[in-house]
Every structure is written in structure tokens, then in C-alpha cells.
């Protein structure tokens, strides 16, 4: 699983994913979106690193 770094945080998604006042389904969807966004960011970064990102 990709680690979500502080620079990757999207304030609206972050508060929806981990805020106590949102329904469970909203929190789950927001967490999935954060993971997808982090994965896409990692994928684009691997294209720019000479060693493949690892």
C-alpha cells in the first residue's frame, strides 16, 4: 500500500476521510480516493526517477 505523505493531502478529502461527522460510506469513499490519488502520484514519480523509483 502506498504511504500517504503530508504533501499529498487534499484538505477536503482528508477531512471527509477521517472526520467523525461524516457517514461511514463517505469516509470509505474518501479514503479510497486518497489511496488512488497517492498511487497515481507515485506512478508518475517513478517515470521521473532514474532507478524506477525504488
N, C-alpha and C. Protein backbone atom coordinates (compact mmCIF):
# COMPACT_ATOMS: atom_id res chain seq x y z
N UNK A 1 0.84 -1.17 0.00
CA UNK A 1 0.00 0.00 0.00
C UNK A 1 0.88 1.24 0.00
N UNK A 2 0.43 2.25 -0.66
CA UNK A 2 1.18 3.48 -0.75
C UNK A 2 0.98 4.30 0.51
N UNK A 3 2.07 4.84 1.01
CA UNK A 3 2.01 5.68 2.20
C UNK A 3 1.56 7.08 1.79
N UNK A 4 0.57 7.62 2.45
CA UNK A 4 0.08 8.97 2.14
C UNK A 4 0.97 9.98 2.84
N UNK A 5 1.69 10.75 2.05
CA UNK A 5 2.61 11.74 2.59
C UNK A 5 1.86 13.05 2.86
N UNK A 6 2.37 13.88 3.76
CA UNK A 6 1.69 15.15 4.07
C UNK A 6 1.50 16.04 2.85
N UNK A 7 2.42 16.00 1.87
CA UNK A 7 2.29 16.85 0.70
C UNK A 7 1.19 16.37 -0.24
N UNK A 8 0.69 15.14 -0.02
CA UNK A 8 -0.32 14.56 -0.89
C UNK A 8 -1.72 14.86 -0.36
N UNK A 9 -1.83 15.33 0.82
CA UNK A 9 -3.14 15.53 1.45
C UNK A 9 -3.96 16.58 0.71
N UNK A 10 -5.20 16.24 0.50
CA UNK A 10 -6.18 17.16 -0.05
C UNK A 10 -7.12 17.49 1.09
N UNK A 11 -7.16 18.75 1.54
CA UNK A 11 -7.91 19.07 2.75
C UNK A 11 -9.37 18.58 2.76
N UNK A 12 -10.09 18.74 1.66
CA UNK A 12 -11.49 18.32 1.64
C UNK A 12 -11.60 16.80 1.75
N UNK A 13 -10.77 16.08 1.01
CA UNK A 13 -10.80 14.62 1.09
C UNK A 13 -10.32 14.13 2.44
N UNK A 14 -9.29 14.78 2.95
CA UNK A 14 -8.73 14.35 4.23
C UNK A 14 -9.75 14.48 5.36
N UNK A 15 -10.46 15.61 5.39
CA UNK A 15 -11.45 15.80 6.46
C UNK A 15 -12.65 14.88 6.26
N UNK A 16 -12.99 14.59 5.01
CA UNK A 16 -14.10 13.66 4.76
C UNK A 16 -13.70 12.23 5.11
N UNK A 17 -12.43 11.89 4.88
CA UNK A 17 -11.98 10.52 5.13
C UNK A 17 -11.80 10.23 6.61
N UNK A 18 -11.40 11.23 7.37
CA UNK A 18 -11.08 10.97 8.78
C UNK A 18 -11.88 11.81 9.75
N UNK A 19 -12.84 12.60 9.24
CA UNK A 19 -13.69 13.40 10.12
C UNK A 19 -14.79 12.55 10.74
N UNK A 20 -15.06 12.74 12.02
CA UNK A 20 -16.06 11.91 12.70
C UNK A 20 -17.51 12.24 12.32
N UNK A 21 -17.74 13.38 11.69
CA UNK A 21 -19.13 13.78 11.43
C UNK A 21 -19.66 13.29 10.09
N UNK A 22 -18.87 12.53 9.35
CA UNK A 22 -19.32 12.01 8.07
C UNK A 22 -19.75 10.55 8.22
N UNK A 23 -20.66 10.13 7.34
CA UNK A 23 -21.13 8.75 7.37
C UNK A 23 -20.00 7.80 6.98
N UNK A 24 -20.14 6.57 7.38
CA UNK A 24 -19.12 5.55 7.12
C UNK A 24 -18.87 5.37 5.63
N UNK A 25 -19.92 5.40 4.81
CA UNK A 25 -19.75 5.22 3.37
C UNK A 25 -18.98 6.38 2.74
N UNK A 26 -19.21 7.59 3.23
CA UNK A 26 -18.48 8.76 2.74
C UNK A 26 -17.01 8.66 3.13
N UNK A 27 -16.76 8.26 4.36
CA UNK A 27 -15.37 8.10 4.82
C UNK A 27 -14.64 7.04 4.00
N UNK A 28 -15.31 5.93 3.72
CA UNK A 28 -14.70 4.87 2.94
C UNK A 28 -14.38 5.34 1.53
N UNK A 29 -15.32 6.02 0.88
CA UNK A 29 -15.10 6.53 -0.48
C UNK A 29 -13.95 7.54 -0.51
N UNK A 30 -13.90 8.42 0.48
CA UNK A 30 -12.83 9.43 0.52
C UNK A 30 -11.48 8.77 0.75
N UNK A 31 -11.41 7.75 1.59
CA UNK A 31 -10.14 7.05 1.81
C UNK A 31 -9.69 6.34 0.54
N UNK A 32 -10.64 5.76 -0.19
CA UNK A 32 -10.29 5.11 -1.46
C UNK A 32 -9.75 6.13 -2.46
N UNK A 33 -10.38 7.30 -2.52
CA UNK A 33 -9.91 8.34 -3.42
C UNK A 33 -8.52 8.83 -3.04
N UNK A 34 -8.25 8.94 -1.74
CA UNK A 34 -6.91 9.34 -1.30
C UNK A 34 -5.87 8.30 -1.70
N UNK A 35 -6.21 7.02 -1.58
CA UNK A 35 -5.28 5.97 -1.97
C UNK A 35 -5.02 5.97 -3.47
N UNK A 36 -6.08 6.17 -4.25
CA UNK A 36 -5.93 6.22 -5.71
C UNK A 36 -5.07 7.42 -6.10
N UNK A 37 -5.30 8.55 -5.47
CA UNK A 37 -4.52 9.74 -5.78
C UNK A 37 -3.05 9.54 -5.40
N UNK A 38 -2.80 8.92 -4.26
CA UNK A 38 -1.43 8.66 -3.84
C UNK A 38 -0.76 7.67 -4.79
N UNK A 39 -1.49 6.65 -5.23
CA UNK A 39 -0.93 5.68 -6.17
C UNK A 39 -0.60 6.34 -7.50
N UNK A 40 -1.49 7.19 -7.99
CA UNK A 40 -1.23 7.88 -9.25
C UNK A 40 -0.02 8.80 -9.13
N UNK A 41 0.12 9.44 -7.98
CA UNK A 41 1.29 10.31 -7.76
C UNK A 41 2.58 9.50 -7.75
N UNK A 42 2.57 8.38 -7.04
CA UNK A 42 3.75 7.50 -7.02
C UNK A 42 4.08 7.00 -8.41
N UNK A 43 3.07 6.66 -9.18
CA UNK A 43 3.27 6.15 -10.53
C UNK A 43 3.90 7.21 -11.43
N UNK A 44 3.46 8.44 -11.32
CA UNK A 44 4.05 9.50 -12.14
C UNK A 44 5.46 9.82 -11.68
N UNK A 45 5.72 9.70 -10.39
CA UNK A 45 7.08 9.97 -9.91
C UNK A 45 8.07 8.92 -10.36
N UNK A 46 7.62 7.69 -10.53
CA UNK A 46 8.55 6.63 -10.98
C UNK A 46 9.02 6.88 -12.40
N UNK A 47 8.24 7.59 -13.19
CA UNK A 47 8.66 7.91 -14.56
C UNK A 47 9.79 8.94 -14.57
N UNK A 48 9.94 9.70 -13.50
CA UNK A 48 10.92 10.77 -13.48
C UNK A 48 12.18 10.43 -12.67
N UNK A 49 12.23 9.26 -12.11
CA UNK A 49 13.39 8.84 -11.31
C UNK A 49 14.17 7.82 -12.11
N UNK A 50 15.48 7.99 -12.18
CA UNK A 50 16.30 7.11 -13.00
C UNK A 50 16.27 5.66 -12.60
N UNK A 51 16.13 5.35 -11.32
CA UNK A 51 16.17 3.97 -10.87
C UNK A 51 14.79 3.32 -10.86
N UNK A 52 13.80 3.96 -11.42
CA UNK A 52 12.46 3.42 -11.42
C UNK A 52 11.69 3.73 -10.16
N UNK A 53 12.22 4.56 -9.31
CA UNK A 53 11.53 4.96 -8.10
C UNK A 53 11.79 4.07 -6.90
N UNK A 54 12.60 3.03 -7.08
CA UNK A 54 12.85 2.11 -5.97
C UNK A 54 14.33 1.96 -5.75
